[in-house]
Amino acid sequence: RLSCVASSAIYTFYPMGWYRQAAGKQRELVATESSGTPNYADS
């Protein structure tokens, strides 16, 4: 389980979430959430 805390409030309609970068690869979306709606990478 990963956790992240922001130093100030992020409006609900702004996305917040996670990306990842494997060695030798580009950074890619993992999952984000905004206004209660999640968005996941297919993988």
All heavy atoms as atom14 arrays in JSON, in Angstrom:
{
  "sequence": "RLSCVASSAIYTFYPMGWYRQAAGKQRELVATESSGTPNYADS",
  "atom14_mask": [
    [1, 1, 1, 1, 1, 1, 1, 1, 1, 1, 1, 0, 0, 0],
    [1, 1, 1, 1, 1, 1, 1, 1, 0, 0, 0, 0, 0, 0],
    [1, 1, 1, 1, 1, 1, 0, 0, 0, 0, 0, 0, 0, 0],
    [1, 1, 1, 1, 1, 1, 0, 0, 0, 0, 0, 0, 0, 0],
    [1, 1, 1, 1, 1, 1, 1, 0, 0, 0, 0, 0, 0, 0],
    [1, 1, 1, 1, 1, 0, 0, 0, 0, 0, 0, 0, 0, 0],
    [1, 1, 1, 1, 1, 1, 0, 0, 0, 0, 0, 0, 0, 0],
    [1, 1, 1, 1, 1, 1, 0, 0, 0, 0, 0, 0, 0, 0],
    [1, 1, 1, 1, 1, 0, 0, 0, 0, 0, 0, 0, 0, 0],
    [1, 1, 1, 1, 1, 1, 1, 1, 0, 0, 0, 0, 0, 0],
    [1, 1, 1, 1, 1, 1, 1, 1, 1, 1, 1, 1, 0, 0],
    [1, 1, 1, 1, 1, 1, 1, 0, 0, 0, 0, 0, 0, 0],
    [1, 1, 1, 1, 1, 1, 1, 1, 1, 1, 1, 0, 0, 0],
    [1, 1, 1, 1, 1, 1, 1, 1, 1, 1, 1, 1, 0, 0],
    [1, 1, 1, 1, 1, 1, 1, 0, 0, 0, 0, 0, 0, 0],
    [1, 1, 1, 1, 1, 1, 1, 1, 0, 0, 0, 0, 0, 0],
    [1, 1, 1, 1, 0, 0, 0, 0, 0, 0, 0, 0, 0, 0],
    [1, 1, 1, 1, 1, 1, 1, 1, 1, 1, 1, 1, 1, 1],
    [1, 1, 1, 1, 1, 1, 1, 1, 1, 1, 1, 1, 0, 0],
    [1, 1, 1, 1, 1, 1, 1, 1, 1, 1, 1, 0, 0, 0],
    [1, 1, 1, 1, 1, 1, 1, 1, 1, 0, 0, 0, 0, 0],
    [1, 1, 1, 1, 1, 0, 0, 0, 0, 0, 0, 0, 0, 0],
    [1, 1, 1, 1, 1, 0, 0, 0, 0, 0, 0, 0, 0, 0],
    [1, 1, 1, 1, 0, 0, 0, 0, 0, 0, 0, 0, 0, 0],
    [1, 1, 1, 1, 1, 1, 1, 1, 1, 0, 0, 0, 0, 0],
    [1, 1, 1, 1, 1, 1, 1, 1, 1, 0, 0, 0, 0, 0],
    [1, 1, 1, 1, 1, 1, 1, 1, 1, 1, 1, 0, 0, 0],
    [1, 1, 1, 1, 1, 1, 1, 1, 1, 0, 0, 0, 0, 0],
    [1, 1, 1, 1, 1, 1, 1, 1, 0, 0, 0, 0, 0, 0],
    [1, 1, 1, 1, 1, 1, 1, 0, 0, 0, 0, 0, 0, 0],
    [1, 1, 1, 1, 1, 0, 0, 0, 0, 0, 0, 0, 0, 0],
    [1, 1, 1, 1, 1, 1, 1, 0, 0, 0, 0, 0, 0, 0],
    [1, 1, 1, 1, 1, 1, 1, 1, 1, 0, 0, 0, 0, 0],
    [1, 1, 1, 1, 1, 1, 0, 0, 0, 0, 0, 0, 0, 0],
    [1, 1, 1, 1, 1, 1, 0, 0, 0, 0, 0, 0, 0, 0],
    [1, 1, 1, 1, 0, 0, 0, 0, 0, 0, 0, 0, 0, 0],
    [1, 1, 1, 1, 1, 1, 1, 0, 0, 0, 0, 0, 0, 0],
    [1, 1, 1, 1, 1, 1, 1, 0, 0, 0, 0, 0, 0, 0],
    [1, 1, 1, 1, 1, 1, 1, 1, 0, 0, 0, 0, 0, 0],
    [1, 1, 1, 1, 1, 1, 1, 1, 1, 1, 1, 1, 0, 0],
    [1, 1, 1, 1, 1, 0, 0, 0, 0, 0, 0, 0, 0, 0],
    [1, 1, 1, 1, 1, 1, 1, 1, 0, 0, 0, 0, 0, 0],
    [1, 1, 1, 1, 1, 1, 0, 0, 0, 0, 0, 0, 0, 0]
  ],
  "atom14_positions": [
    [[0.85, -1.19, 0.0], [0.0, 0.0, 0.0], [0.88, 1.23, 0.0], [1.75, 1.38, 0.87], [-0.92, 0.02, 1.22], [-1.91, 1.16, 1.22], [-2.86, 1.06, 2.42], [-3.83, 2.14, 2.47], [-4.99, 2.11, 1.81], [-5.32, 1.06, 1.09], [-5.83, 3.13, 1.9], [0.0, 0.0, 0.0], [0.0, 0.0, 0.0], [0.0, 0.0, 0.0]],
    [[0.67, 2.09, -0.99], [1.38, 3.36, -1.08], [0.47, 4.48, -0.58], [-0.74, 4.44, -0.82], [1.79, 3.65, -2.52], [2.63, 2.59, -3.24], [2.97, 3.08, -4.65], [3.87, 2.26, -2.47], [0.0, 0.0, 0.0], [0.0, 0.0, 0.0], [0.0, 0.0, 0.0], [0.0, 0.0, 0.0], [0.0, 0.0, 0.0], [0.0, 0.0, 0.0]],
    [[1.08, 5.46, 0.06], [0.33, 6.62, 0.52], [1.06, 7.89, 0.13], [2.29, 7.9, 0.01], [0.14, 6.57, 2.04], [-0.65, 5.48, 2.42], [0.0, 0.0, 0.0], [0.0, 0.0, 0.0], [0.0, 0.0, 0.0], [0.0, 0.0, 0.0], [0.0, 0.0, 0.0], [0.0, 0.0, 0.0], [0.0, 0.0, 0.0], [0.0, 0.0, 0.0]],
    [[0.3, 8.95, -0.05], [0.87, 10.24, -0.43], [0.06, 11.33, 0.27], [-1.17, 11.3, 0.25], [0.8, 10.41, -1.95], [1.24, 12.05, -2.55], [0.0, 0.0, 0.0], [0.0, 0.0, 0.0], [0.0, 0.0, 0.0], [0.0, 0.0, 0.0], [0.0, 0.0, 0.0], [0.0, 0.0, 0.0], [0.0, 0.0, 0.0], [0.0, 0.0, 0.0]],
    [[0.77, 12.28, 0.85], [0.1, 13.41, 1.49], [0.56, 14.68, 0.82], [1.76, 14.86, 0.55], [0.37, 13.43, 3.01], [1.84, 13.51, 3.31], [-0.38, 14.57, 3.68], [0.0, 0.0, 0.0], [0.0, 0.0, 0.0], [0.0, 0.0, 0.0], [0.0, 0.0, 0.0], [0.0, 0.0, 0.0], [0.0, 0.0, 0.0], [0.0, 0.0, 0.0]],
    [[-0.39, 15.56, 0.55], [-0.11, 16.85, -0.07], [-0.02, 17.93, 1.0], [-0.7, 17.88, 2.02], [-1.19, 17.2, -1.07], [0.0, 0.0, 0.0], [0.0, 0.0, 0.0], [0.0, 0.0, 0.0], [0.0, 0.0, 0.0], [0.0, 0.0, 0.0], [0.0, 0.0, 0.0], [0.0, 0.0, 0.0], [0.0, 0.0, 0.0], [0.0, 0.0, 0.0]],
    [[0.83, 18.93, 0.73], [1.06, 19.99, 1.71], [-0.1, 20.98, 1.77], [-0.2, 21.77, 2.72], [2.35, 20.75, 1.38], [2.28, 21.31, 0.07], [0.0, 0.0, 0.0], [0.0, 0.0, 0.0], [0.0, 0.0, 0.0], [0.0, 0.0, 0.0], [0.0, 0.0, 0.0], [0.0, 0.0, 0.0], [0.0, 0.0, 0.0], [0.0, 0.0, 0.0]],
    [[-0.98, 20.95, 0.77], [-2.16, 21.81, 0.78], [-3.29, 21.09, 0.05], [-3.07, 20.08, -0.61], [-1.85, 23.16, 0.12], [-1.41, 22.99, -1.2], [0.0, 0.0, 0.0], [0.0, 0.0, 0.0], [0.0, 0.0, 0.0], [0.0, 0.0, 0.0], [0.0, 0.0, 0.0], [0.0, 0.0, 0.0], [0.0, 0.0, 0.0], [0.0, 0.0, 0.0]],
    [[-4.47, 21.61, 0.19], [-5.64, 20.97, -0.38], [-5.59, 20.95, -1.9], [-5.16, 21.91, -2.53], [-6.9, 21.67, 0.1], [0.0, 0.0, 0.0], [0.0, 0.0, 0.0], [0.0, 0.0, 0.0], [0.0, 0.0, 0.0], [0.0, 0.0, 0.0], [0.0, 0.0, 0.0], [0.0, 0.0, 0.0], [0.0, 0.0, 0.0], [0.0, 0.0, 0.0]],
    [[-6.02, 19.83, -2.45], [-6.18, 19.68, -3.89], [-7.68, 19.65, -4.16], [-8.38, 18.79, -3.64], [-5.52, 18.39, -4.41], [-4.06, 18.28, -3.95], [-5.64, 18.3, -5.92], [-3.16, 19.34, -4.5], [0.0, 0.0, 0.0], [0.0, 0.0, 0.0], [0.0, 0.0, 0.0], [0.0, 0.0, 0.0], [0.0, 0.0, 0.0], [0.0, 0.0, 0.0]],
    [[-8.18, 20.58, -4.97], [-9.61, 20.61, -5.25], [-10.08, 19.26, -5.78], [-9.37, 18.58, -6.52], [-9.94, 21.72, -6.24], [-9.8, 23.1, -5.69], [-8.89, 24.0, -6.23], [-10.58, 23.53, -4.62], [-8.76, 25.28, -5.73], [-10.44, 24.8, -4.1], [-9.54, 25.67, -4.66], [-9.4, 26.93, -4.16], [0.0, 0.0, 0.0], [0.0, 0.0, 0.0]],
    [[-11.27, 18.89, -5.41], [-11.77, 17.57, -5.76], [-11.79, 17.31, -7.25], [-11.64, 16.17, -7.71], [-13.17, 17.36, -5.2], [-14.04, 18.36, -5.74], [-13.19, 17.47, -3.68], [0.0, 0.0, 0.0], [0.0, 0.0, 0.0], [0.0, 0.0, 0.0], [0.0, 0.0, 0.0], [0.0, 0.0, 0.0], [0.0, 0.0, 0.0], [0.0, 0.0, 0.0]],
    [[-11.98, 18.36, -8.06], [-12.06, 18.15, -9.5], [-10.69, 18.13, -10.16], [-10.59, 17.89, -11.37], [-12.96, 19.2, -10.17], [-12.69, 20.61, -9.74], [-11.68, 21.35, -10.34], [-13.44, 21.22, -8.75], [-11.43, 22.65, -9.95], [-13.2, 22.53, -8.35], [-12.19, 23.24, -8.95], [0.0, 0.0, 0.0], [0.0, 0.0, 0.0], [0.0, 0.0, 0.0]],
    [[-9.63, 18.38, -9.4], [-8.28, 18.22, -9.92], [-7.83, 16.79, -9.67], [-8.07, 16.23, -8.61], [-7.31, 19.19, -9.26], [-7.48, 20.63, -9.67], [-7.16, 21.66, -8.79], [-7.93, 20.98, -10.94], [-7.3, 22.99, -9.15], [-8.08, 22.3, -11.31], [-7.77, 23.3, -10.42], [-7.91, 24.61, -10.78], [0.0, 0.0, 0.0], [0.0, 0.0, 0.0]],
    [[-7.14, 16.18, -10.63], [-6.72, 14.79, -10.44], [-5.58, 14.66, -9.43], [-4.75, 15.55, -9.29], [-6.24, 14.37, -11.83], [-5.78, 15.65, -12.45], [-6.73, 16.71, -11.94], [0.0, 0.0, 0.0], [0.0, 0.0, 0.0], [0.0, 0.0, 0.0], [0.0, 0.0, 0.0], [0.0, 0.0, 0.0], [0.0, 0.0, 0.0], [0.0, 0.0, 0.0]],
    [[-5.6, 13.55, -8.75], [-4.52, 13.18, -7.85], [-4.36, 11.69, -7.96], [-5.37, 10.97, -8.07], [-4.86, 13.6, -6.41], [-3.67, 13.55, -5.46], [-4.1, 14.22, -3.83], [-2.52, 14.05, -2.99], [0.0, 0.0, 0.0], [0.0, 0.0, 0.0], [0.0, 0.0, 0.0], [0.0, 0.0, 0.0], [0.0, 0.0, 0.0], [0.0, 0.0, 0.0]],
    [[-3.13, 11.22, -8.0], [-2.97, 9.78, -8.14], [-1.53, 9.37, -8.29], [-0.63, 9.97, -7.68], [0.0, 0.0, 0.0], [0.0, 0.0, 0.0], [0.0, 0.0, 0.0], [0.0, 0.0, 0.0], [0.0, 0.0, 0.0], [0.0, 0.0, 0.0], [0.0, 0.0, 0.0], [0.0, 0.0, 0.0], [0.0, 0.0, 0.0], [0.0, 0.0, 0.0]],
    [[-1.31, 8.34, -9.12], [-0.01, 7.66, -9.19], [0.41, 7.38, -10.63], [-0.4, 6.97, -11.45], [-0.08, 6.34, -8.43], [-0.41, 6.53, -6.99], [-1.66, 6.57, -6.42], [0.52, 6.74, -5.93], [-1.55, 6.8, -5.08], [-0.22, 6.9, -4.74], [1.92, 6.8, -5.85], [0.39, 7.11, -3.51], [2.53, 7.01, -4.63], [1.75, 7.16, -3.47]],
    [[1.69, 7.6, -10.87], [2.37, 7.19, -12.08], [3.55, 6.31, -11.67], [3.94, 6.3, -10.51], [2.88, 8.4, -12.86], [1.81, 9.15, -13.61], [0.83, 9.89, -12.95], [1.77, 9.13, -15.01], [-0.15, 10.57, -13.64], [0.79, 9.81, -15.72], [-0.16, 10.54, -15.02], [-1.12, 11.21, -15.72], [0.0, 0.0, 0.0], [0.0, 0.0, 0.0]],
    [[4.11, 5.6, -12.63], [5.29, 4.79, -12.35], [6.24, 4.81, -13.53], [5.85, 5.05, -14.66], [4.91, 3.35, -12.01], [4.33, 2.55, -13.17], [3.85, 1.18, -12.67], [3.29, 0.4, -13.76], [2.68, -0.77, -13.59], [2.54, -1.31, -12.36], [2.21, -1.43, -14.64], [0.0, 0.0, 0.0], [0.0, 0.0, 0.0], [0.0, 0.0, 0.0]],
    [[7.52, 4.57, -13.2], [8.54, 4.52, -14.23], [9.47, 3.36, -13.94], [10.18, 3.35, -12.92], [9.33, 5.83, -14.29], [10.28, 5.92, -15.44], [10.81, 7.32, -15.66], [10.73, 8.19, -14.81], [11.34, 7.57, -16.85], [0.0, 0.0, 0.0], [0.0, 0.0, 0.0], [0.0, 0.0, 0.0], [0.0, 0.0, 0.0], [0.0, 0.0, 0.0]],
    [[9.46, 2.39, -14.83], [10.36, 1.26, -14.74], [11.69, 1.61, -15.4], [11.75, 2.52, -16.23], [9.74, 0.03, -15.39], [0.0, 0.0, 0.0], [0.0, 0.0, 0.0], [0.0, 0.0, 0.0], [0.0, 0.0, 0.0], [0.0, 0.0, 0.0], [0.0, 0.0, 0.0], [0.0, 0.0, 0.0], [0.0, 0.0, 0.0], [0.0, 0.0, 0.0]],
    [[12.72, 0.9, -15.06], [14.05, 1.17, -15.6], [14.02, 1.08, -17.13], [13.53, 0.09, -17.69], [15.06, 0.18, -15.02], [0.0, 0.0, 0.0], [0.0, 0.0, 0.0], [0.0, 0.0, 0.0], [0.0, 0.0, 0.0], [0.0, 0.0, 0.0], [0.0, 0.0, 0.0], [0.0, 0.0, 0.0], [0.0, 0.0, 0.0], [0.0, 0.0, 0.0]],
    [[14.5, 2.12, -17.78], [14.59, 2.13, -19.23], [13.28, 2.4, -19.94], [13.22, 2.3, -21.17], [0.0, 0.0, 0.0], [0.0, 0.0, 0.0], [0.0, 0.0, 0.0], [0.0, 0.0, 0.0], [0.0, 0.0, 0.0], [0.0, 0.0, 0.0], [0.0, 0.0, 0.0], [0.0, 0.0, 0.0], [0.0, 0.0, 0.0], [0.0, 0.0, 0.0]],
    [[12.24, 2.73, -19.19], [10.93, 2.97, -19.8], [10.43, 4.37, -19.45], [10.92, 5.02, -18.52], [9.93, 1.92, -19.33], [10.25, 0.52, -19.8], [9.14, -0.45, -19.44], [9.43, -1.84, -19.95], [8.34, -2.8, -19.63], [0.0, 0.0, 0.0], [0.0, 0.0, 0.0], [0.0, 0.0, 0.0], [0.0, 0.0, 0.0], [0.0, 0.0, 0.0]],
    [[9.42, 4.82, -20.19], [8.82, 6.11, -19.92], [7.88, 6.03, -18.72], [7.34, 4.96, -18.4], [8.04, 6.59, -21.15], [8.92, 6.98, -22.33], [8.12, 7.62, -23.46], [6.95, 7.33, -23.64], [8.77, 8.49, -24.2], [0.0, 0.0, 0.0], [0.0, 0.0, 0.0], [0.0, 0.0, 0.0], [0.0, 0.0, 0.0], [0.0, 0.0, 0.0]],
    [[7.68, 7.17, -18.08], [6.72, 7.25, -16.98], [5.32, 6.99, -17.54], [4.96, 7.51, -18.6], [6.8, 8.6, -16.3], [6.06, 8.69, -14.99], [6.33, 9.99, -14.28], [7.74, 10.14, -13.91], [8.22, 11.11, -13.14], [7.39, 12.02, -12.64], [9.5, 11.18, -12.87], [0.0, 0.0, 0.0], [0.0, 0.0, 0.0], [0.0, 0.0, 0.0]],
    [[4.53, 6.2, -16.8], [3.19, 5.86, -17.27], [2.16, 6.01, -16.16], [2.47, 5.88, -14.97], [3.15, 4.41, -17.79], [3.45, 3.36, -16.74], [3.34, 1.93, -17.26], [3.11, 1.74, -18.47], [3.48, 1.0, -16.44], [0.0, 0.0, 0.0], [0.0, 0.0, 0.0], [0.0, 0.0, 0.0], [0.0, 0.0, 0.0], [0.0, 0.0, 0.0]],
    [[0.94, 6.26, -16.58], [-0.16, 6.36, -15.64], [-0.41, 5.01, -14.97], [-0.4, 3.97, -15.63], [-1.43, 6.79, -16.37], [-2.75, 6.66, -15.61], [-2.86, 7.79, -14.59], [-3.93, 6.69, -16.56], [0.0, 0.0, 0.0], [0.0, 0.0, 0.0], [0.0, 0.0, 0.0], [0.0, 0.0, 0.0], [0.0, 0.0, 0.0], [0.0, 0.0, 0.0]],
    [[-0.67, 5.05, -13.66], [-1.13, 3.86, -12.94], [-2.61, 4.04, -12.6], [-3.46, 3.26, -13.01], [-0.31, 3.62, -11.66], [-0.88, 2.43, -10.89], [1.16, 3.41, -11.99], [0.0, 0.0, 0.0], [0.0, 0.0, 0.0], [0.0, 0.0, 0.0], [0.0, 0.0, 0.0], [0.0, 0.0, 0.0], [0.0, 0.0, 0.0], [0.0, 0.0, 0.0]],
    [[-2.9, 5.09, -11.83], [-4.28, 5.37, -11.44], [-4.38, 6.81, -10.96], [-3.47, 7.31, -10.29], [-4.73, 4.43, -10.33], [0.0, 0.0, 0.0], [0.0, 0.0, 0.0], [0.0, 0.0, 0.0], [0.0, 0.0, 0.0], [0.0, 0.0, 0.0], [0.0, 0.0, 0.0], [0.0, 0.0, 0.0], [0.0, 0.0, 0.0], [0.0, 0.0, 0.0]],
    [[-5.47, 7.47, -11.32], [-5.78, 8.79, -10.8], [-7.24, 8.83, -10.4], [-8.04, 7.96, -10.79], [-5.5, 9.9, -11.83], [-6.3, 9.65, -12.99], [-4.04, 9.97, -12.2], [0.0, 0.0, 0.0], [0.0, 0.0, 0.0], [0.0, 0.0, 0.0], [0.0, 0.0, 0.0], [0.0, 0.0, 0.0], [0.0, 0.0, 0.0], [0.0, 0.0, 0.0]],
    [[-7.57, 9.86, -9.62], [-8.94, 10.04, -9.18], [-9.25, 11.52, -9.18], [-8.43, 12.34, -8.76], [-9.11, 9.44, -7.78], [-10.56, 9.28, -7.35], [-11.07, 10.4, -6.49], [-10.55, 11.52, -6.56], [-12.01, 10.17, -5.73], [0.0, 0.0, 0.0], [0.0, 0.0, 0.0], [0.0, 0.0, 0.0], [0.0, 0.0, 0.0], [0.0, 0.0, 0.0]],
    [[-10.43, 11.86, -9.67], [-10.91, 13.24, -9.57], [-12.42, 13.21, -9.45], [-13.07, 12.4, -10.11], [-10.47, 14.07, -10.78], [-11.02, 13.58, -11.97], [0.0, 0.0, 0.0], [0.0, 0.0, 0.0], [0.0, 0.0, 0.0], [0.0, 0.0, 0.0], [0.0, 0.0, 0.0], [0.0, 0.0, 0.0], [0.0, 0.0, 0.0], [0.0, 0.0, 0.0]],
    [[-12.94, 14.07, -8.6], [-14.38, 14.16, -8.36], [-15.01, 12.81, -8.07], [-16.14, 12.54, -8.49], [-15.08, 14.81, -9.56], [-14.58, 16.12, -9.79], [0.0, 0.0, 0.0], [0.0, 0.0, 0.0], [0.0, 0.0, 0.0], [0.0, 0.0, 0.0], [0.0, 0.0, 0.0], [0.0, 0.0, 0.0], [0.0, 0.0, 0.0], [0.0, 0.0, 0.0]],
    [[-14.26, 11.94, -7.39], [-14.78, 10.64, -7.01], [-14.71, 9.59, -8.09], [-15.13, 8.44, -7.86], [0.0, 0.0, 0.0], [0.0, 0.0, 0.0], [0.0, 0.0, 0.0], [0.0, 0.0, 0.0], [0.0, 0.0, 0.0], [0.0, 0.0, 0.0], [0.0, 0.0, 0.0], [0.0, 0.0, 0.0], [0.0, 0.0, 0.0], [0.0, 0.0, 0.0]],
    [[-14.18, 9.92, -9.25], [-14.11, 8.97, -10.36], [-12.67, 8.5, -10.55], [-11.79, 9.29, -10.83], [-14.61, 9.62, -11.66], [-15.97, 10.04, -11.47], [-14.53, 8.63, -12.81], [0.0, 0.0, 0.0], [0.0, 0.0, 0.0], [0.0, 0.0, 0.0], [0.0, 0.0, 0.0], [0.0, 0.0, 0.0], [0.0, 0.0, 0.0], [0.0, 0.0, 0.0]],
    [[-12.44, 7.18, -10.41], [-11.09, 6.65, -10.62], [-10.82, 6.37, -12.09], [-11.74, 6.13, -12.88], [-11.09, 5.36, -9.82], [-12.51, 4.89, -9.88], [-13.35, 6.12, -9.93], [0.0, 0.0, 0.0], [0.0, 0.0, 0.0], [0.0, 0.0, 0.0], [0.0, 0.0, 0.0], [0.0, 0.0, 0.0], [0.0, 0.0, 0.0], [0.0, 0.0, 0.0]],
    [[-9.55, 6.37, -12.43], [-9.09, 6.05, -13.78], [-7.88, 5.16, -13.63], [-6.91, 5.54, -12.99], [-8.73, 7.33, -14.54], [-8.19, 7.02, -15.92], [-8.69, 6.15, -16.61], [-7.17, 7.76, -16.34], [0.0, 0.0, 0.0], [0.0, 0.0, 0.0], [0.0, 0.0, 0.0], [0.0, 0.0, 0.0], [0.0, 0.0, 0.0], [0.0, 0.0, 0.0]],
    [[-7.94, 3.96, -14.2], [-6.87, 2.98, -14.05], [-6.24, 2.63, -15.39], [-6.93, 2.54, -16.41], [-7.4, 1.69, -13.42], [-7.89, 1.8, -12.01], [-9.24, 1.93, -11.74], [-7.0, 1.76, -10.94], [-9.71, 2.02, -10.43], [-7.45, 1.85, -9.63], [-8.8, 1.98, -9.38], [-9.25, 2.07, -8.08], [0.0, 0.0, 0.0], [0.0, 0.0, 0.0]],
    [[-4.95, 2.36, -15.35], [-4.31, 1.73, -16.5], [-4.85, 0.32, -16.66], [-5.16, -0.35, -15.66], [-2.8, 1.7, -16.31], [0.0, 0.0, 0.0], [0.0, 0.0, 0.0], [0.0, 0.0, 0.0], [0.0, 0.0, 0.0], [0.0, 0.0, 0.0], [0.0, 0.0, 0.0], [0.0, 0.0, 0.0], [0.0, 0.0, 0.0], [0.0, 0.0, 0.0]],
    [[-4.97, -0.13, -17.9], [-5.5, -1.48, -18.13], [-4.69, -2.54, -17.4], [-5.23, -3.55, -16.94], [-5.52, -1.78, -19.63], [-6.6, -1.01, -20.37], [-7.54, -0.5, -19.71], [-6.51, -0.9, -21.61], [0.0, 0.0, 0.0], [0.0, 0.0, 0.0], [0.0, 0.0, 0.0], [0.0, 0.0, 0.0], [0.0, 0.0, 0.0], [0.0, 0.0, 0.0]],
    [[-3.39, -2.31, -17.29], [-2.5, -3.32, -16.72], [-2.73, -3.54, -15.22], [-2.27, -4.54, -14.67], [-1.05, -2.95, -16.97], [-0.75, -1.69, -16.37], [0.0, 0.0, 0.0], [0.0, 0.0, 0.0], [0.0, 0.0, 0.0], [0.0, 0.0, 0.0], [0.0, 0.0, 0.0], [0.0, 0.0, 0.0], [0.0, 0.0, 0.0], [0.0, 0.0, 0.0]]
  ]
}
